[in-house]
PDB file of N, CA and C in Angstrom:
ATOM      1  N   MET A   1     176.385  97.068  64.697  1.00  0.00           N
ATOM      2  CA  MET A   1     175.216  96.581  65.404  1.00  0.00           C
ATOM      3  C   MET A   1     173.982  96.798  64.519  1.00  0.00           C
ATOM      4  N   LYS A   2     173.143  95.776  64.436  1.00  0.00           N
ATOM      5  CA  LYS A   2     171.899  95.873  63.677  1.00  0.00           C
ATOM      6  C   LYS A   2     170.751  96.171  64.633  1.00  0.00           C
ATOM      7  N   ILE A   3     169.810  96.954  64.165  1.00  0.00           N
ATOM      8  CA  ILE A   3     168.613  97.295  64.942  1.00  0.00           C
ATOM      9  C   ILE A   3     167.401  96.927  64.103  1.00  0.00           C
ATOM     10  N   LYS A   4     166.389  96.319  64.738  1.00  0.00           N
ATOM     11  CA  LYS A   4     165.161  95.938  64.045  1.00  0.00           C
ATOM     12  C   LYS A   4     163.967  96.384  64.860  1.00  0.00           C
ATOM     13  N   ILE A   5     162.961  96.880  64.195  1.00  0.00           N
ATOM     14  CA  ILE A   5     161.705  97.249  64.849  1.00  0.00           C
ATOM     15  C   ILE A   5     160.885  95.984  65.047  1.00  0.00           C
ATOM     16  N   VAL A   6     160.385  95.811  66.269  1.00  0.00           N
ATOM     17  CA  VAL A   6     159.578  94.646  66.618  1.00  0.00           C
ATOM     18  C   VAL A   6     158.359  95.127  67.395  1.00  0.00           C
ATOM     19  N   THR A   7     157.217  94.535  67.109  1.00  0.00           N
ATOM     20  CA  THR A   7     155.983  94.863  67.824  1.00  0.00           C
ATOM     21  C   THR A   7     155.228  93.563  68.097  1.00  0.00           C
ATOM     22  N   ASP A   8     154.114  93.658  68.802  1.00  0.00           N
ATOM     23  CA  ASP A   8     153.306  92.456  68.996  1.00  0.00           C
ATOM     24  C   ASP A   8     152.103  92.497  68.056  1.00  0.00           C
ATOM     25  N   SER A   9     151.424  91.383  67.963  1.00  0.00           N
ATOM     26  CA  SER A   9     150.343  91.245  66.984  1.00  0.00           C
ATOM     27  C   SER A   9     149.129  92.115  67.289  1.00  0.00           C
ATOM     28  N   THR A  10     149.038  92.673  68.483  1.00  0.00           N
ATOM     29  CA  THR A  10     147.908  93.546  68.812  1.00  0.00           C
ATOM     30  C   THR A  10     148.086  94.950  68.240  1.00  0.00           C
ATOM     31  N   SER A  11     149.213  95.225  67.602  1.00  0.00           N
ATOM     32  CA  SER A  11     149.448  96.551  67.025  1.00  0.00           C
ATOM     33  C   SER A  11     148.553  96.826  65.822  1.00  0.00           C
ATOM     34  N   GLY A  12     148.065  95.784  65.179  1.00  0.00           N
ATOM     35  CA  GLY A  12     147.191  95.963  64.019  1.00  0.00           C
ATOM     36  C   GLY A  12     147.938  96.212  62.726  1.00  0.00           C
ATOM     37  N   ILE A  13     149.259  96.089  62.733  1.00  0.00           N
ATOM     38  CA  ILE A  13     150.033  96.264  61.509  1.00  0.00           C
ATOM     39  C   ILE A  13     149.791  95.055  60.607  1.00  0.00           C
ATOM     40  N   PRO A  14     149.367  95.291  59.378  1.00  0.00           N
ATOM     41  CA  PRO A  14     149.136  94.165  58.459  1.00  0.00           C
ATOM     42  C   PRO A  14     150.427  93.392  58.205  1.00  0.00           C
ATOM     43  N   GLN A  15     150.323  92.078  58.095  1.00  0.00           N
ATOM     44  CA  GLN A  15     151.491  91.238  57.893  1.00  0.00           C
ATOM     45  C   GLN A  15     152.237  91.596  56.609  1.00  0.00           C
ATOM     46  N   GLU A  16     151.508  91.962  55.564  1.00  0.00           N
ATOM     47  CA  GLU A  16     152.150  92.318  54.298  1.00  0.00           C
ATOM     48  C   GLU A  16     153.033  93.553  54.473  1.00  0.00           C
ATOM     49  N   PHE A  17     152.518  94.559  55.197  1.00  0.00           N
ATOM     50  CA  PHE A  17     153.284  95.783  55.446  1.00  0.00           C
ATOM     51  C   PHE A  17     154.508  95.489  56.295  1.00  0.00           C
ATOM     52  N   ALA A  18     154.323  94.693  57.331  1.00  0.00           N
ATOM     53  CA  ALA A  18     155.437  94.355  58.223  1.00  0.00           C
ATOM     54  C   ALA A  18     156.537  93.635  57.454  1.00  0.00           C
ATOM     55  N   LYS A  19     156.148  92.728  56.582  1.00  0.00           N
ATOM     56  CA  LYS A  19     157.141  91.996  55.792  1.00  0.00           C
ATOM     57  C   LYS A  19     157.885  92.949  54.858  1.00  0.00           C
ATOM     58  N   LYS A  20     157.147  93.828  54.196  1.00  0.00           N
ATOM     59  CA  LYS A  20     157.734  94.785  53.263  1.00  0.00           C
ATOM     60  C   LYS A  20     158.722  95.716  53.969  1.00  0.00           C
ATOM     61  N   GLU A  21     158.368  96.148  55.176  1.00  0.00           N
ATOM     62  CA  GLU A  21     159.187  97.109  55.925  1.00  0.00           C
ATOM     63  C   GLU A  21     160.157  96.444  56.904  1.00  0.00           C
ATOM     64  N   ASN A  22     160.217  95.116  56.869  1.00  0.00           N
ATOM     65  CA  ASN A  22     161.118  94.348  57.740  1.00  0.00           C
ATOM     66  C   ASN A  22     160.847  94.605  59.231  1.00  0.00           C
ATOM     67  N   ILE A  23     159.565  94.595  59.601  1.00  0.00           N
ATOM     68  CA  ILE A  23     159.144  94.769  60.993  1.00  0.00           C
ATOM     69  C   ILE A  23     158.801  93.398  61.553  1.00  0.00           C
ATOM     70  N   GLY A  24     159.392  93.050  62.680  1.00  0.00           N
ATOM     71  CA  GLY A  24     159.086  91.776  63.325  1.00  0.00           C
ATOM     72  C   GLY A  24     157.798  91.858  64.109  1.00  0.00           C
ATOM     73  N   ILE A  25     156.972  90.832  64.018  1.00  0.00           N
ATOM     74  CA  ILE A  25     155.723  90.781  64.783  1.00  0.00           C
ATOM     75  C   ILE A  25     155.730  89.538  65.660  1.00  0.00           C
ATOM     76  N   LEU A  26     155.599  89.747  66.960  1.00  0.00           N
ATOM     77  CA  LEU A  26     155.506  88.645  67.913  1.00  0.00           C
ATOM     78  C   LEU A  26     154.034  88.303  68.099  1.00  0.00           C
ATOM     79  N   GLU A  27     153.695  87.050  67.953  1.00  0.00           N
ATOM     80  CA  GLU A  27     152.304  86.632  68.108  1.00  0.00           C
ATOM     81  C   GLU A  27     151.883  86.672  69.571  1.00  0.00           C
ATOM     82  N   SER A  28     150.669  87.161  69.791  1.00  0.00           N
ATOM     83  CA  SER A  28     150.070  87.143  71.123  1.00  0.00           C
ATOM     84  C   SER A  28     149.179  85.916  71.213  1.00  0.00           C
ATOM     85  N   LYS A  29     149.210  85.246  72.343  1.00  0.00           N
ATOM     86  CA  LYS A  29     148.298  84.120  72.535  1.00  0.00           C
ATOM     87  C   LYS A  29     146.974  84.651  73.053  1.00  0.00           C
ATOM     88  N   VAL A  30     145.907  84.099  72.540  1.00  0.00           N
ATOM     89  CA  VAL A  30     144.565  84.499  72.932  1.00  0.00           C
ATOM     90  C   VAL A  30     143.849  83.262  73.447  1.00  0.00           C
ATOM     91  N   PHE A  31     143.221  83.396  74.605  1.00  0.00           N
ATOM     92  CA  PHE A  31     142.426  82.316  75.178  1.00  0.00           C
ATOM     93  C   PHE A  31     140.964  82.715  75.080  1.00  0.00           C
ATOM     94  N   LEU A  32     140.176  81.929  74.339  1.00  0.00           N
ATOM     95  CA  LEU A  32     138.776  82.228  74.102  1.00  0.00           C
ATOM     96  C   LEU A  32     137.962  80.961  74.305  1.00  0.00           C
ATOM     97  N   ASP A  33     137.043  80.995  75.242  1.00  0.00           N
ATOM     98  CA  ASP A  33     136.204  79.825  75.538  1.00  0.00           C
ATOM     99  C   ASP A  33     137.045  78.571  75.745  1.00  0.00           C
ATOM    100  N   ASP A  34     138.075  78.692  76.578  1.00  0.00           N
ATOM    101  CA  ASP A  34     138.974  77.590  76.911  1.00  0.00           C
ATOM    102  C   ASP A  34     139.772  77.059  75.725  1.00  0.00           C
ATOM    103  N   GLN A  35     139.861  77.835  74.649  1.00  0.00           N
ATOM    104  CA  GLN A  35     140.678  77.452  73.502  1.00  0.00           C
ATOM    105  C   GLN A  35     141.890  78.374  73.429  1.00  0.00           C
ATOM    106  N   ASP A  36     143.023  77.807  73.138  1.00  0.00           N
ATOM    107  CA  ASP A  36     144.257  78.555  72.968  1.00  0.00           C
ATOM    108  C   ASP A  36     144.419  78.839  71.477  1.00  0.00           C
ATOM    109  N   LEU A  37     144.252  80.090  71.091  1.00  0.00           N
ATOM    110  CA  LEU A  37     144.300  80.450  69.676  1.00  0.00           C
ATOM    111  C   LEU A  37     145.502  81.345  69.392  1.00  0.00           C
ATOM    112  N   LYS A  38     146.099  81.174  68.235  1.00  0.00           N
ATOM    113  CA  LYS A  38     147.119  82.118  67.799  1.00  0.00           C
ATOM    114  C   LYS A  38     146.390  83.262  67.120  1.00  0.00           C
ATOM    115  N   GLU A  39     146.539  84.452  67.657  1.00  0.00           N
ATOM    116  CA  GLU A  39     145.767  85.595  67.193  1.00  0.00           C
ATOM    117  C   GLU A  39     145.895  85.854  65.692  1.00  0.00           C
ATOM    118  N   LEU A  40     147.079  85.815  65.153  1.00  0.00           N
ATOM    119  CA  LEU A  40     147.255  86.147  63.734  1.00  0.00           C
ATOM    120  C   LEU A  40     146.641  85.128  62.804  1.00  0.00           C
ATOM    121  N   ILE A  41     146.513  83.901  63.245  1.00  0.00           N
ATOM    122  CA  ILE A  41     146.015  82.846  62.377  1.00  0.00           C
ATOM    123  C   ILE A  41     144.511  82.637  62.567  1.00  0.00           C
ATOM    124  N   ALA A  42     144.049  82.597  63.811  1.00  0.00           N
ATOM    125  CA  ALA A  42     142.684  82.191  64.086  1.00  0.00           C
ATOM    126  C   ALA A  42     141.684  83.346  64.107  1.00  0.00           C
ATOM    127  N   LEU A  43     142.147  84.552  64.381  1.00  0.00           N
ATOM    128  CA  LEU A  43     141.229  85.684  64.506  1.00  0.00           C
ATOM    129  C   LEU A  43     141.604  86.799  63.553  1.00  0.00           C
ATOM    130  N   ASP A  44     140.612  87.395  62.930  1.00  0.00           N
ATOM    131  CA  ASP A  44     140.827  88.604  62.148  1.00  0.00           C
ATOM    132  C   ASP A  44     140.946  89.760  63.136  1.00  0.00           C
ATOM    133  N   PHE A  45     141.818  90.720  62.871  1.00  0.00           N
ATOM    134  CA  PHE A  45     142.037  91.844  63.793  1.00  0.00           C
ATOM    135  C   PHE A  45     140.743  92.571  64.114  1.00  0.00           C
ATOM    136  N   VAL A  46     139.914  92.828  63.126  1.00  0.00           N
ATOM    137  CA  VAL A  46     138.663  93.560  63.334  1.00  0.00           C
ATOM    138  C   VAL A  46     137.705  92.715  64.159  1.00  0.00           C
ATOM    139  N   GLU A  47     137.625  91.403  63.897  1.00  0.00           N
ATOM    140  CA  GLU A  47     136.702  90.538  64.625  1.00  0.00           C
ATOM    141  C   GLU A  47     137.053  90.451  66.108  1.00  0.00           C
ATOM    142  N   SER A  48     138.316  90.670  66.464  1.00  0.00           N
ATOM    143  CA  SER A  48     138.714  90.530  67.852  1.00  0.00           C
ATOM    144  C   SER A  48     138.198  91.657  68.727  1.00  0.00           C
ATOM    145  N   TYR A  49     137.675  92.711  68.108  1.00  0.00           N
ATOM    146  CA  TYR A  49     137.086  93.811  68.873  1.00  0.00           C
ATOM    147  C   TYR A  49     135.611  93.740  68.742  1.00  0.00           C
TER     148      TYR A  49
END
């Protein structure tokens, strides 16, 4: 049996680190001003706070 660590995009783990360590990241959908944005693509983690 294989086991993989998976988290969501609100964890703040950088994509480069996750790729290097084989950590799966599930994207969270963000709704901002009636726009449906993919958090990892449209928003910087720091800007979202």
